[in-house]
C-alpha cells in the first residue's frame, strides 16, 4: 500500500515503511581546474550535480527535474525553484524535502548550483570533443532516463558548450541550457558515479603526469596545424 503526501506543487509517493535514506557524501575536490570541472559536471547530472550563460529559448528548454532516490522517493522539482535557490539560498518546500532526505547541507547545494568557473570556451569544447570527454559525458548521461530518440550525453554536451560561450560556467546555467523539457535523474547512481569519476581522474593524472585541464586537453587533442 502506498501513501501520498501533498506539497504545494507536488505529490510524493512513498511506501508505507519508514523511508531509509543515506547521507550523500560529496567528495572534496582538489584545487585543479579539471577537478572543479568534474565536480560541476556531475552536479548537473544529479540535479544537485552536480549544474550561467547563453540560455536556450524557454519554449524548448528544461522546465523541471525528476529526482529518484531508490524505489521509495521520487520528486518533480521545477527549474524555477532551483534558480531561486541558487540566487537567494531560499529553498522551496519541495527542495527542502530533497535536502532533508539526502542530508545535504543547503549551503553546499547552493554552492554547487551557483558557483561560476572561468573557462576558455574553445578549450572546453575541445575537451568535450575528446575521447576522454565523451567517456565522461556518457558516464553522466547514464544517470539520466532518456527520452525517446535522444541520447542524454549529447544533450549534456550541447548544454555545456552553450553555457560556456561567455567564458564562465555554472551548474544552474547549464541546466537552463539543457534542451529537453524534463530531466529525470537517478540520484543514488549519480552520486556513486561521481565518487568513481573523481577517483578515476586521480589515477589518470598520475598515469599521464598532468595537473590541469589544459594539460589533459593538450595531450588528448593537440591544436590542428
N, C-alpha and C. Protein backbone atom coordinates (compact mmCIF):
# COMPACT_ATOMS: atom_id res chain seq x y z
N UNK A 1 0.86 -1.20 0.00
CA UNK A 1 0.00 0.00 0.00
C UNK A 1 0.88 1.23 0.00
N UNK A 2 0.48 2.25 -0.69
CA UNK A 2 1.28 3.46 -0.78
C UNK A 2 0.53 4.63 -0.14
N UNK A 3 1.27 5.55 0.41
CA UNK A 3 0.72 6.79 0.96
C UNK A 3 1.21 7.93 0.09
N UNK A 4 0.41 8.94 -0.04
CA UNK A 4 0.82 10.11 -0.81
C UNK A 4 0.77 11.32 0.10
N UNK A 5 1.76 12.12 0.02
CA UNK A 5 1.88 13.31 0.85
C UNK A 5 1.78 14.53 -0.05
N UNK A 6 0.92 15.47 0.30
CA UNK A 6 0.71 16.63 -0.57
C UNK A 6 1.65 17.75 -0.19
N UNK A 7 2.25 18.34 -1.21
CA UNK A 7 3.09 19.52 -1.05
C UNK A 7 2.51 20.60 -1.96
N UNK A 8 2.94 21.84 -1.83
CA UNK A 8 2.35 22.94 -2.62
C UNK A 8 2.27 22.66 -4.10
N UNK A 9 3.27 22.09 -4.69
CA UNK A 9 3.25 21.88 -6.14
C UNK A 9 3.58 20.46 -6.51
N UNK A 10 3.46 19.54 -5.55
CA UNK A 10 3.97 18.19 -5.84
C UNK A 10 3.31 17.15 -4.94
N UNK A 11 3.00 15.99 -5.51
CA UNK A 11 2.58 14.83 -4.71
C UNK A 11 3.70 13.84 -4.75
N UNK A 12 4.14 13.39 -3.56
CA UNK A 12 5.29 12.49 -3.48
C UNK A 12 4.80 11.13 -2.99
N UNK A 13 5.15 10.10 -3.73
CA UNK A 13 4.74 8.74 -3.37
C UNK A 13 5.79 8.10 -2.50
N UNK A 14 5.34 7.37 -1.45
CA UNK A 14 6.29 6.67 -0.59
C UNK A 14 5.65 5.38 -0.12
N UNK A 15 6.42 4.33 0.07
CA UNK A 15 5.90 3.09 0.60
C UNK A 15 5.60 3.28 2.09
N UNK A 16 4.77 2.36 2.63
CA UNK A 16 4.29 2.54 3.99
C UNK A 16 5.40 2.49 5.01
N UNK A 17 6.44 1.64 4.79
CA UNK A 17 7.51 1.55 5.76
C UNK A 17 8.32 2.83 5.78
N UNK A 18 8.99 3.14 6.92
CA UNK A 18 9.76 4.38 7.03
C UNK A 18 10.80 4.47 5.94
N UNK A 19 10.99 5.68 5.48
CA UNK A 19 11.98 5.91 4.42
C UNK A 19 13.38 5.70 4.95
N UNK A 20 14.12 4.85 4.27
CA UNK A 20 15.51 4.60 4.65
C UNK A 20 16.40 5.44 3.75
N UNK A 21 16.92 6.50 4.26
CA UNK A 21 17.76 7.37 3.45
C UNK A 21 19.19 7.29 3.91
N UNK A 22 20.09 7.56 3.01
CA UNK A 22 21.50 7.56 3.31
C UNK A 22 22.06 8.93 3.01
N UNK A 23 23.03 9.33 3.80
CA UNK A 23 23.67 10.62 3.55
C UNK A 23 24.41 10.55 2.24
N UNK A 24 24.28 11.61 1.47
CA UNK A 24 25.00 11.68 0.21
C UNK A 24 26.36 12.31 0.49
N UNK A 25 27.39 11.57 0.30
CA UNK A 25 28.74 12.06 0.55
C UNK A 25 29.27 12.72 -0.70
N UNK A 26 29.55 14.00 -0.62
CA UNK A 26 30.09 14.72 -1.76
C UNK A 26 31.59 14.83 -1.57
N UNK A 27 32.38 14.11 -2.39
CA UNK A 27 33.82 14.11 -2.21
C UNK A 27 34.39 15.52 -2.32
N UNK A 28 35.43 15.77 -1.55
CA UNK A 28 36.10 17.05 -1.64
C UNK A 28 36.97 17.07 -2.88
N UNK A 29 36.86 18.14 -3.63
CA UNK A 29 37.65 18.24 -4.85
C UNK A 29 38.96 18.97 -4.55
N UNK A 30 39.94 18.75 -5.41
CA UNK A 30 41.19 19.47 -5.27
C UNK A 30 41.03 20.84 -5.88
N UNK A 31 42.11 21.60 -5.95
CA UNK A 31 42.03 22.95 -6.50
C UNK A 31 42.33 22.98 -7.98
N UNK A 32 42.52 21.83 -8.62
CA UNK A 32 42.84 21.84 -10.05
C UNK A 32 41.60 22.18 -10.86
N UNK A 33 41.74 22.92 -11.97
CA UNK A 33 40.60 23.25 -12.82
C UNK A 33 39.84 22.02 -13.27
N UNK A 34 40.56 20.91 -13.54
CA UNK A 34 39.90 19.69 -14.03
C UNK A 34 38.98 19.11 -12.97
N UNK A 35 39.44 19.07 -11.70
CA UNK A 35 38.59 18.55 -10.63
C UNK A 35 37.36 19.43 -10.47
N UNK A 36 37.53 20.74 -10.58
CA UNK A 36 36.39 21.63 -10.46
C UNK A 36 35.40 21.38 -11.59
N UNK A 37 35.91 21.08 -12.79
CA UNK A 37 35.04 20.79 -13.92
C UNK A 37 34.24 19.52 -13.67
N UNK A 38 34.89 18.47 -13.12
CA UNK A 38 34.20 17.22 -12.82
C UNK A 38 33.13 17.45 -11.77
N UNK A 39 33.46 18.21 -10.73
CA UNK A 39 32.51 18.48 -9.66
C UNK A 39 31.29 19.18 -10.21
N UNK A 40 31.53 20.16 -11.08
CA UNK A 40 30.43 20.89 -11.70
C UNK A 40 29.59 20.01 -12.60
N UNK A 41 30.26 19.23 -13.44
CA UNK A 41 29.55 18.46 -14.45
C UNK A 41 28.64 17.43 -13.82
N UNK A 42 29.09 16.75 -12.77
CA UNK A 42 28.25 15.73 -12.17
C UNK A 42 27.15 16.36 -11.33
N UNK A 43 27.40 17.48 -10.79
CA UNK A 43 26.34 18.17 -10.09
C UNK A 43 25.18 18.43 -11.01
N UNK A 44 25.48 18.79 -12.26
CA UNK A 44 24.44 18.97 -13.26
C UNK A 44 23.69 17.68 -13.47
N UNK A 45 24.42 16.59 -13.61
CA UNK A 45 23.79 15.31 -13.91
C UNK A 45 22.88 14.85 -12.81
N UNK A 46 23.21 15.11 -11.53
CA UNK A 46 22.40 14.64 -10.41
C UNK A 46 21.32 15.62 -10.00
N UNK A 47 21.37 16.81 -10.49
CA UNK A 47 20.40 17.81 -10.07
C UNK A 47 20.72 18.44 -8.75
N UNK A 48 21.95 18.22 -8.26
CA UNK A 48 22.36 18.90 -7.02
C UNK A 48 23.22 20.05 -7.39
N UNK A 49 25.78 17.04 -8.54
CA UNK A 49 25.16 17.72 -9.69
C UNK A 49 25.11 18.37 -10.43
N UNK A 50 25.81 17.42 -9.69
CA UNK A 50 26.22 18.32 -9.74
C UNK A 50 25.28 19.41 -10.35
N UNK A 51 25.52 22.33 -12.46
CA UNK A 51 24.79 22.29 -12.68
C UNK A 51 25.68 23.93 -12.68
N UNK A 52 24.65 29.48 -16.77
CA UNK A 52 25.29 30.78 -16.43
C UNK A 52 25.64 31.52 -17.67
N UNK A 53 24.96 30.99 -18.59
CA UNK A 53 25.50 31.63 -19.77
C UNK A 53 24.43 31.81 -20.83
N UNK A 54 24.79 31.66 -22.13
CA UNK A 54 23.82 31.86 -23.20
C UNK A 54 22.69 30.84 -23.07
N UNK A 55 21.51 31.31 -22.73
CA UNK A 55 20.41 30.38 -22.44
C UNK A 55 19.64 30.05 -23.71
N UNK A 56 19.15 28.81 -23.77
CA UNK A 56 18.32 28.40 -24.88
C UNK A 56 16.92 28.97 -24.68
N UNK A 57 16.15 29.13 -25.75
CA UNK A 57 14.80 29.67 -25.61
C UNK A 57 13.96 28.83 -24.65
N UNK A 58 13.17 29.47 -23.82
CA UNK A 58 12.39 28.76 -22.82
C UNK A 58 11.39 27.78 -23.45
N UNK A 59 10.97 28.03 -24.68
CA UNK A 59 10.00 27.14 -25.31
C UNK A 59 10.54 25.73 -25.46
N UNK A 60 11.86 25.58 -25.57
CA UNK A 60 12.44 24.25 -25.77
C UNK A 60 13.44 23.89 -24.69
N UNK A 61 13.47 24.67 -23.60
CA UNK A 61 14.47 24.44 -22.56
C UNK A 61 13.88 23.63 -21.41
N UNK A 62 14.78 23.23 -20.51
CA UNK A 62 14.40 22.43 -19.35
C UNK A 62 13.41 23.19 -18.47
N UNK A 63 12.36 22.50 -18.03
CA UNK A 63 11.36 23.10 -17.16
C UNK A 63 11.35 22.48 -15.76
N UNK A 64 11.69 21.19 -15.67
CA UNK A 64 11.63 20.51 -14.37
C UNK A 64 12.59 19.34 -14.32
N UNK A 65 13.04 19.03 -13.11
CA UNK A 65 13.87 17.86 -12.87
C UNK A 65 13.05 16.82 -12.12
N UNK A 66 13.17 15.58 -12.52
CA UNK A 66 12.56 14.47 -11.80
C UNK A 66 13.69 13.73 -11.10
N UNK A 67 13.67 13.73 -9.78
CA UNK A 67 14.75 13.15 -8.99
C UNK A 67 14.27 11.86 -8.32
N UNK A 68 15.02 10.80 -8.52
CA UNK A 68 14.67 9.49 -7.97
C UNK A 68 15.79 9.00 -7.05
N UNK A 69 15.43 8.62 -5.83
CA UNK A 69 16.38 8.01 -4.90
C UNK A 69 15.82 6.65 -4.49
N UNK A 70 16.30 5.61 -5.17
CA UNK A 70 15.78 4.28 -4.93
C UNK A 70 14.34 4.17 -5.40
N UNK A 71 13.61 3.21 -4.87
CA UNK A 71 12.23 2.98 -5.29
C UNK A 71 11.22 3.70 -4.40
N UNK A 72 11.68 4.35 -3.34
CA UNK A 72 10.77 4.91 -2.35
C UNK A 72 10.66 6.43 -2.40
N UNK A 73 11.48 7.08 -3.21
CA UNK A 73 11.45 8.54 -3.19
C UNK A 73 11.54 9.07 -4.61
N UNK A 74 10.57 9.89 -4.97
CA UNK A 74 10.53 10.49 -6.30
C UNK A 74 9.98 11.89 -6.16
N UNK A 75 10.62 12.85 -6.81
CA UNK A 75 10.23 14.24 -6.65
C UNK A 75 10.42 15.00 -7.95
N UNK A 76 9.37 15.71 -8.37
CA UNK A 76 9.48 16.63 -9.51
C UNK A 76 9.79 18.02 -8.96
N UNK A 77 10.85 18.61 -9.47
CA UNK A 77 11.31 19.90 -8.97
C UNK A 77 11.39 20.90 -10.12
N UNK A 78 10.53 21.92 -10.15
CA UNK A 78 10.60 22.92 -11.22
C UNK A 78 11.96 23.61 -11.24
N UNK A 79 12.46 23.87 -12.44
CA UNK A 79 13.76 24.54 -12.56
C UNK A 79 13.72 25.92 -11.91
N UNK A 80 12.56 26.57 -11.96
CA UNK A 80 12.44 27.90 -11.37
C UNK A 80 12.76 27.89 -9.87
N UNK A 81 12.43 26.78 -9.18
CA UNK A 81 12.73 26.67 -7.76
C UNK A 81 14.24 26.55 -7.53
N UNK A 82 14.92 25.83 -8.42
CA UNK A 82 16.38 25.73 -8.32
C UNK A 82 17.03 27.07 -8.60
N UNK A 83 16.50 27.81 -9.57
CA UNK A 83 17.06 29.12 -9.90
C UNK A 83 16.94 30.07 -8.72
N UNK A 84 15.78 30.08 -8.08
CA UNK A 84 15.58 30.94 -6.90
C UNK A 84 16.53 30.55 -5.78
N UNK A 85 16.68 29.25 -5.55
CA UNK A 85 17.58 28.76 -4.50
C UNK A 85 19.02 29.13 -4.81
N UNK A 86 19.44 28.99 -6.07
CA UNK A 86 20.81 29.32 -6.44
C UNK A 86 21.12 30.80 -6.21
N UNK A 87 20.13 31.66 -6.43
CA UNK A 87 20.33 33.10 -6.29
C UNK A 87 20.22 33.58 -4.85
N UNK A 88 19.25 33.03 -4.12
CA UNK A 88 18.93 33.57 -2.80
C UNK A 88 19.26 32.64 -1.63
N UNK A 89 19.42 31.34 -1.91
CA UNK A 89 19.63 30.38 -0.83
C UNK A 89 18.35 29.96 -0.14
N UNK A 90 17.20 30.48 -0.62
CA UNK A 90 15.90 30.14 -0.04
C UNK A 90 15.33 28.93 -0.75
N UNK A 91 15.12 27.84 -0.02
CA UNK A 91 14.63 26.59 -0.61
C UNK A 91 13.11 26.51 -0.53
N UNK A 92 12.49 26.05 -1.61
CA UNK A 92 11.06 25.78 -1.60
C UNK A 92 10.78 24.57 -0.71
N UNK A 93 9.51 24.31 -0.45
CA UNK A 93 9.16 23.14 0.37
C UNK A 93 9.67 21.86 -0.27
N UNK A 94 9.50 21.74 -1.60
CA UNK A 94 9.95 20.54 -2.30
C UNK A 94 11.46 20.38 -2.21
N UNK A 95 12.18 21.46 -2.45
CA UNK A 95 13.64 21.40 -2.42
C UNK A 95 14.14 21.13 -1.01
N UNK A 96 13.50 21.73 -0.02
CA UNK A 96 13.91 21.48 1.37
C UNK A 96 13.72 20.01 1.73
N UNK A 97 12.63 19.41 1.22
CA UNK A 97 12.41 17.98 1.46
C UNK A 97 13.54 17.16 0.86
N UNK A 98 13.95 17.51 -0.36
CA UNK A 98 15.05 16.80 -1.01
C UNK A 98 16.34 16.95 -0.22
N UNK A 99 16.63 18.15 0.26
CA UNK A 99 17.84 18.38 1.05
C UNK A 99 17.80 17.56 2.34
N UNK A 100 16.62 17.49 2.96
CA UNK A 100 16.49 16.73 4.21
C UNK A 100 16.69 15.24 3.97
N UNK A 101 16.05 14.71 2.93
CA UNK A 101 16.15 13.28 2.64
C UNK A 101 17.57 12.89 2.28
N UNK A 102 18.24 13.73 1.49
CA UNK A 102 19.60 13.41 1.05
C UNK A 102 20.66 13.83 2.07
N UNK A 103 20.21 14.51 3.14
CA UNK A 103 21.12 15.00 4.18
C UNK A 103 22.23 15.87 3.58
N UNK A 104 21.81 16.72 2.65
CA UNK A 104 22.73 17.66 2.01
C UNK A 104 22.59 19.03 2.65
N UNK A 105 23.69 19.65 3.01
CA UNK A 105 23.65 20.98 3.60
C UNK A 105 23.22 22.00 2.55
N UNK A 106 22.26 22.88 2.87
CA UNK A 106 21.78 23.86 1.91
C UNK A 106 22.90 24.72 1.32
N UNK A 107 23.85 25.13 2.16
CA UNK A 107 24.94 25.97 1.66
C UNK A 107 25.77 25.25 0.61
N UNK A 108 26.00 23.95 0.82
CA UNK A 108 26.76 23.16 -0.14
C UNK A 108 25.99 23.02 -1.45
N UNK A 109 24.69 22.75 -1.36
CA UNK A 109 23.87 22.60 -2.56
C UNK A 109 23.82 23.91 -3.35
N UNK A 110 23.67 25.03 -2.63
CA UNK A 110 23.63 26.32 -3.32
C UNK A 110 24.95 26.60 -4.02
N UNK A 111 26.06 26.27 -3.37
CA UNK A 111 27.36 26.49 -3.99
C UNK A 111 27.54 25.65 -5.24
N UNK A 112 27.11 24.38 -5.19
CA UNK A 112 27.23 23.51 -6.36
C UNK A 112 26.44 24.04 -7.54
N UNK A 113 25.29 24.65 -7.26
CA UNK A 113 24.45 25.17 -8.33
C UNK A 113 24.94 26.50 -8.89
N UNK A 114 25.40 27.38 -8.02
CA UNK A 114 25.65 28.76 -8.44
C UNK A 114 27.11 29.12 -8.67
N UNK A 115 28.04 28.32 -8.17
CA UNK A 115 29.45 28.68 -8.29
C UNK A 115 29.88 28.74 -9.75
N UNK A 116 30.47 29.85 -10.15
CA UNK A 116 30.92 30.03 -11.52
C UNK A 116 32.41 29.73 -11.65
N UNK A 117 32.76 29.07 -12.73
CA UNK A 117 34.16 28.82 -13.05
C UNK A 117 34.51 29.61 -14.30
N UNK A 118 35.68 30.20 -14.30
CA UNK A 118 36.18 30.84 -15.51
C UNK A 118 36.70 29.75 -16.44
N UNK A 119 36.22 29.73 -17.68
CA UNK A 119 36.65 28.71 -18.63
C UNK A 119 36.96 29.36 -19.97
N UNK A 120 37.80 28.71 -20.73
CA UNK A 120 38.04 29.07 -22.11
C UNK A 120 37.06 28.25 -22.94
N UNK A 121 36.10 28.90 -23.60
CA UNK A 121 35.04 28.16 -24.29
C UNK A 121 35.60 27.24 -25.37
N UNK A 122 36.63 27.69 -26.09
CA UNK A 122 37.23 26.86 -27.13
C UNK A 122 37.91 25.64 -26.51
N UNK A 123 38.59 25.86 -25.38
CA UNK A 123 39.26 24.76 -24.69
C UNK A 123 38.24 23.77 -24.14
N UNK A 124 37.14 24.29 -23.58
CA UNK A 124 36.10 23.42 -23.04
C UNK A 124 35.50 22.56 -24.14
N UNK A 125 35.27 23.16 -25.31
CA UNK A 125 34.70 22.40 -26.43
C UNK A 125 35.66 21.30 -26.89
N UNK A 126 36.95 21.62 -26.93
CA UNK A 126 37.95 20.62 -27.31
C UNK A 126 37.96 19.46 -26.32
N UNK A 127 37.87 19.79 -25.04
CA UNK A 127 37.85 18.75 -24.02
C UNK A 127 36.62 17.85 -24.18
N UNK A 128 35.46 18.47 -24.40
CA UNK A 128 34.23 17.70 -24.54
C UNK A 128 34.21 16.88 -25.83
N UNK A 129 34.94 17.33 -26.85
CA UNK A 129 35.02 16.61 -28.12
C UNK A 129 36.05 15.49 -28.09
N UNK A 130 36.89 15.46 -27.06
CA UNK A 130 37.94 14.45 -26.98
C UNK A 130 37.35 13.10 -26.57
N UNK A 131 38.16 12.06 -26.70
CA UNK A 131 37.72 10.72 -26.31
C UNK A 131 37.38 10.68 -24.82
N UNK A 132 38.26 11.26 -23.98
CA UNK A 132 38.01 11.27 -22.54
C UNK A 132 36.75 12.07 -22.23
N UNK A 133 36.57 13.19 -22.93
CA UNK A 133 35.37 13.99 -22.71
C UNK A 133 34.11 13.21 -23.00
N UNK A 134 34.13 12.44 -24.10
CA UNK A 134 32.96 11.63 -24.45
C UNK A 134 32.70 10.55 -23.40
N UNK A 135 33.77 9.95 -22.89
CA UNK A 135 33.62 8.93 -21.84
C UNK A 135 32.95 9.53 -20.61
N UNK A 136 33.41 10.72 -20.19
CA UNK A 136 32.84 11.37 -19.01
C UNK A 136 31.39 11.76 -19.25
N UNK A 137 31.09 12.27 -20.44
CA UNK A 137 29.72 12.67 -20.76
C UNK A 137 28.78 11.46 -20.76
N UNK A 138 29.26 10.34 -21.27
CA UNK A 138 28.42 9.13 -21.28
C UNK A 138 28.20 8.61 -19.86
N UNK A 139 29.21 8.77 -19.00
CA UNK A 139 29.03 8.41 -17.59
C UNK A 139 27.93 9.27 -16.97
N UNK A 140 27.98 10.58 -17.23
CA UNK A 140 26.95 11.47 -16.71
C UNK A 140 25.59 11.12 -17.30
N UNK A 141 25.56 10.86 -18.60
CA UNK A 141 24.31 10.54 -19.27
C UNK A 141 23.67 9.27 -18.78
N UNK A 142 24.46 8.37 -18.20
CA UNK A 142 23.92 7.08 -17.76
C UNK A 142 23.00 7.21 -16.55
N UNK A 143 23.03 8.34 -15.86
CA UNK A 143 22.15 8.53 -14.71
C UNK A 143 20.84 9.20 -15.12
N UNK A 144 20.73 9.55 -16.40
CA UNK A 144 19.55 10.24 -16.91
C UNK A 144 18.65 9.25 -17.65
N UNK A 145 17.36 9.29 -17.36
CA UNK A 145 16.40 8.46 -18.09
C UNK A 145 16.15 9.12 -19.44
N UNK A 146 16.54 8.46 -20.53
CA UNK A 146 16.46 9.11 -21.84
C UNK A 146 15.03 9.23 -22.36
N UNK A 147 14.79 10.32 -23.08
CA UNK A 147 13.53 10.45 -23.80
C UNK A 147 13.66 9.71 -25.12
N UNK A 148 12.54 9.35 -25.70
CA UNK A 148 12.55 8.60 -26.96
C UNK A 148 13.33 9.35 -28.03
N UNK A 149 14.27 8.64 -28.65
CA UNK A 149 15.02 9.22 -29.76
C UNK A 149 16.14 10.16 -29.36
N UNK A 150 16.46 10.24 -28.05
CA UNK A 150 17.51 11.16 -27.60
C UNK A 150 18.60 10.39 -26.87
N UNK A 151 19.81 10.93 -26.92
CA UNK A 151 20.94 10.40 -26.17
C UNK A 151 21.34 11.45 -25.14
N UNK A 152 21.09 11.19 -23.85
CA UNK A 152 21.31 12.21 -22.82
C UNK A 152 22.70 12.83 -22.83
N UNK A 153 23.75 12.03 -23.09
CA UNK A 153 25.10 12.58 -23.03
C UNK A 153 25.31 13.66 -24.09
N UNK A 154 24.64 13.53 -25.23
CA UNK A 154 24.76 14.55 -26.27
C UNK A 154 24.03 15.83 -25.86
N UNK A 155 22.88 15.67 -25.18
CA UNK A 155 22.17 16.85 -24.69
C UNK A 155 22.99 17.57 -23.62
N UNK A 156 23.67 16.80 -22.76
CA UNK A 156 24.53 17.40 -21.73
C UNK A 156 25.68 18.14 -22.38
N UNK A 157 26.29 17.53 -23.40
CA UNK A 157 27.40 18.17 -24.09
C UNK A 157 26.96 19.49 -24.72
N UNK A 158 25.83 19.47 -25.42
CA UNK A 158 25.32 20.68 -26.06
C UNK A 158 25.07 21.78 -25.03
N UNK A 159 24.48 21.41 -23.89
CA UNK A 159 24.20 22.39 -22.85
C UNK A 159 25.48 22.99 -22.29
N UNK A 160 26.51 22.17 -22.10
CA UNK A 160 27.77 22.67 -21.54
C UNK A 160 28.49 23.57 -22.53
N UNK A 161 28.46 23.21 -23.81
CA UNK A 161 29.09 24.06 -24.83
C UNK A 161 28.36 25.39 -24.91
N UNK A 162 27.03 25.35 -24.94
CA UNK A 162 26.23 26.57 -25.00
C UNK A 162 26.49 27.46 -23.79
N UNK A 163 26.59 26.83 -22.62
CA UNK A 163 26.76 27.57 -21.38
C UNK A 163 28.13 28.19 -21.22
N UNK A 164 29.10 27.73 -21.98
CA UNK A 164 30.47 28.22 -21.81
C UNK A 164 30.83 29.36 -22.76
N UNK A 165 29.87 29.83 -23.54
CA UNK A 165 30.19 30.81 -24.58
C UNK A 165 30.64 32.16 -24.03
N UNK A 166 30.32 32.48 -22.78
CA UNK A 166 30.77 33.77 -22.22
C UNK A 166 31.96 33.58 -21.28
N UNK A 167 32.64 32.44 -21.44
CA UNK A 167 33.87 32.15 -20.70
C UNK A 167 33.64 31.91 -19.21
N UNK A 168 32.41 31.55 -18.84
CA UNK A 168 32.09 31.19 -17.46
C UNK A 168 31.20 29.96 -17.49
N UNK A 169 31.14 29.27 -16.36
CA UNK A 169 30.34 28.06 -16.31
C UNK A 169 29.80 27.84 -14.90
N UNK A 170 28.52 27.56 -14.79
CA UNK A 170 27.93 27.16 -13.51
C UNK A 170 26.84 26.14 -13.78
N UNK A 171 26.52 25.35 -12.78
CA UNK A 171 25.56 24.26 -12.95
C UNK A 171 24.17 24.79 -13.31
N UNK A 172 23.73 25.85 -12.65
CA UNK A 172 22.36 26.32 -12.87
C UNK A 172 22.18 26.81 -14.29
N UNK A 173 23.18 27.42 -14.90
CA UNK A 173 23.02 27.92 -16.25
C UNK A 173 23.18 26.82 -17.28
N UNK A 174 23.90 25.77 -16.95
CA UNK A 174 23.92 24.59 -17.83
C UNK A 174 22.54 23.95 -17.83
N UNK A 175 21.90 23.89 -16.66
CA UNK A 175 20.54 23.37 -16.60
C UNK A 175 19.60 24.22 -17.45
N UNK A 176 19.80 25.53 -17.44
CA UNK A 176 19.00 26.42 -18.26
C UNK A 176 19.20 26.15 -19.75
N UNK A 177 20.40 25.68 -20.10
CA UNK A 177 20.72 25.44 -21.50
C UNK A 177 20.37 24.02 -21.95
N UNK A 178 19.90 23.19 -21.02
CA UNK A 178 19.58 21.80 -21.36
C UNK A 178 18.32 21.76 -22.22
N UNK A 179 18.36 21.04 -23.34
CA UNK A 179 17.31 21.09 -24.34
C UNK A 179 15.97 20.48 -23.98
N UNK A 180 15.92 19.17 -23.61
CA UNK A 180 14.63 18.54 -23.31
C UNK A 180 13.91 19.24 -22.16
N UNK A 181 12.57 19.18 -22.17
CA UNK A 181 11.78 19.89 -21.17
C UNK A 181 11.87 19.27 -19.78
N UNK A 182 12.23 17.98 -19.70
CA UNK A 182 12.30 17.31 -18.41
C UNK A 182 13.56 16.48 -18.31
N UNK A 183 14.19 16.51 -17.14
CA UNK A 183 15.42 15.76 -16.89
C UNK A 183 15.16 14.81 -15.72
N UNK A 184 15.13 13.51 -16.01
CA UNK A 184 14.86 12.50 -14.99
C UNK A 184 16.18 11.87 -14.55
N UNK A 185 16.51 11.99 -13.25
CA UNK A 185 17.82 11.60 -12.75
C UNK A 185 17.71 10.55 -11.66
N UNK A 186 18.58 9.54 -11.73
CA UNK A 186 18.74 8.56 -10.66
C UNK A 186 19.78 9.10 -9.69
N UNK A 187 19.33 9.66 -8.56
CA UNK A 187 20.22 10.33 -7.63
C UNK A 187 21.27 9.42 -7.02
N UNK A 188 20.87 8.22 -6.61
CA UNK A 188 21.82 7.30 -5.98
C UNK A 188 22.93 6.91 -6.96
N UNK A 189 22.55 6.58 -8.18
CA UNK A 189 23.54 6.19 -9.19
C UNK A 189 24.45 7.36 -9.53
N UNK A 190 23.88 8.56 -9.58
CA UNK A 190 24.66 9.74 -9.92
C UNK A 190 25.77 9.97 -8.91
N UNK A 191 25.46 9.85 -7.61
CA UNK A 191 26.46 10.08 -6.59
C UNK A 191 27.53 9.00 -6.60
N UNK A 192 27.14 7.75 -6.91
CA UNK A 192 28.11 6.66 -7.00
C UNK A 192 29.08 6.91 -8.15
N UNK A 193 28.55 7.34 -9.29
CA UNK A 193 29.39 7.63 -10.45
C UNK A 193 30.30 8.82 -10.16
N UNK A 194 29.76 9.82 -9.45
CA UNK A 194 30.56 10.98 -9.11
C UNK A 194 31.81 10.58 -8.33
N UNK A 195 31.60 9.75 -7.30
CA UNK A 195 32.74 9.31 -6.49
C UNK A 195 33.74 8.51 -7.31
N UNK A 196 33.25 7.64 -8.19
CA UNK A 196 34.14 6.82 -9.00
C UNK A 196 34.92 7.67 -10.00
N UNK A 197 34.26 8.65 -10.60
CA UNK A 197 34.94 9.51 -11.57
C UNK A 197 36.05 10.32 -10.91
N UNK A 198 35.78 10.81 -9.70
CA UNK A 198 36.81 11.57 -9.00
C UNK A 198 38.02 10.70 -8.72
N UNK A 199 37.78 9.45 -8.32
CA UNK A 199 38.87 8.51 -8.06
C UNK A 199 39.61 8.16 -9.34
N UNK A 200 38.84 7.91 -10.41
CA UNK A 200 39.46 7.54 -11.69
C UNK A 200 40.33 8.66 -12.23
N UNK A 201 39.87 9.92 -12.07
CA UNK A 201 40.68 11.00 -12.60
C UNK A 201 42.00 11.13 -11.86
N UNK A 202 41.99 10.83 -10.56
CA UNK A 202 43.25 10.85 -9.82
C UNK A 202 44.23 9.87 -10.41
N UNK A 203 43.74 8.68 -10.81
CA UNK A 203 44.61 7.68 -11.43
C UNK A 203 45.10 8.16 -12.80
N UNK A 204 44.20 8.83 -13.55
CA UNK A 204 44.58 9.34 -14.88
C UNK A 204 45.67 10.39 -14.74
N UNK A 205 45.53 11.26 -13.75
CA UNK A 205 46.54 12.29 -13.53
C UNK A 205 47.91 11.66 -13.26
N UNK A 206 47.93 10.65 -12.41
CA UNK A 206 49.20 10.00 -12.09
C UNK A 206 49.80 9.32 -13.31
N UNK A 207 48.93 8.69 -14.12
CA UNK A 207 49.39 7.97 -15.30
C UNK A 207 49.97 8.92 -16.33
N UNK A 208 49.27 10.03 -16.56
CA UNK A 208 49.71 10.97 -17.60
C UNK A 208 50.68 12.02 -17.08
N UNK A 209 50.76 12.15 -15.76
CA UNK A 209 51.63 13.16 -15.19
C UNK A 209 51.15 14.57 -15.46
N UNK A 210 49.81 14.78 -15.44
CA UNK A 210 49.25 16.09 -15.71
C UNK A 210 48.57 16.62 -14.45
N UNK A 211 48.44 17.93 -14.38
CA UNK A 211 47.86 18.55 -13.20
C UNK A 211 46.68 19.46 -13.51
N UNK A 212 46.47 19.81 -14.77
CA UNK A 212 45.44 20.78 -15.08
C UNK A 212 44.61 20.36 -16.28
N UNK A 213 43.47 21.02 -16.45
CA UNK A 213 42.61 20.79 -17.59
C UNK A 213 43.34 21.08 -18.89
N UNK A 214 44.15 22.14 -18.90
CA UNK A 214 44.88 22.48 -20.11
C UNK A 214 45.86 21.37 -20.49
N UNK A 215 46.52 20.77 -19.48
CA UNK A 215 47.47 19.68 -19.75
C UNK A 215 46.75 18.48 -20.34
N UNK A 216 45.59 18.12 -19.75
CA UNK A 216 44.85 16.96 -20.22
C UNK A 216 44.36 17.19 -21.64
N UNK A 217 43.75 18.35 -21.89
CA UNK A 217 43.20 18.64 -23.20
C UNK A 217 44.29 18.71 -24.25
N UNK A 218 45.41 19.32 -23.90
CA UNK A 218 46.51 19.43 -24.86
C UNK A 218 47.06 18.08 -25.24
N UNK A 219 47.08 17.14 -24.29
CA UNK A 219 47.61 15.81 -24.58
C UNK A 219 46.64 15.01 -25.42
N UNK A 220 45.33 15.20 -25.18
CA UNK A 220 44.34 14.39 -25.88
C UNK A 220 43.97 14.93 -27.25
N UNK A 221 43.95 16.23 -27.40
CA UNK A 221 43.56 16.80 -28.69
C UNK A 221 44.42 18.02 -28.97
N UNK A 222 45.65 17.84 -29.44
CA UNK A 222 46.54 18.96 -29.73
C UNK A 222 45.96 19.85 -30.82
N UNK A 223 46.32 21.13 -30.82
CA UNK A 223 45.79 22.05 -31.82
C UNK A 223 46.11 21.58 -33.23
N UNK A 224 45.14 21.80 -34.14
CA UNK A 224 45.37 21.45 -35.53
C UNK A 224 46.32 22.46 -36.17
N UNK A 225 47.20 21.98 -37.03
CA UNK A 225 48.16 22.86 -37.71
C UNK A 225 47.74 23.10 -39.15
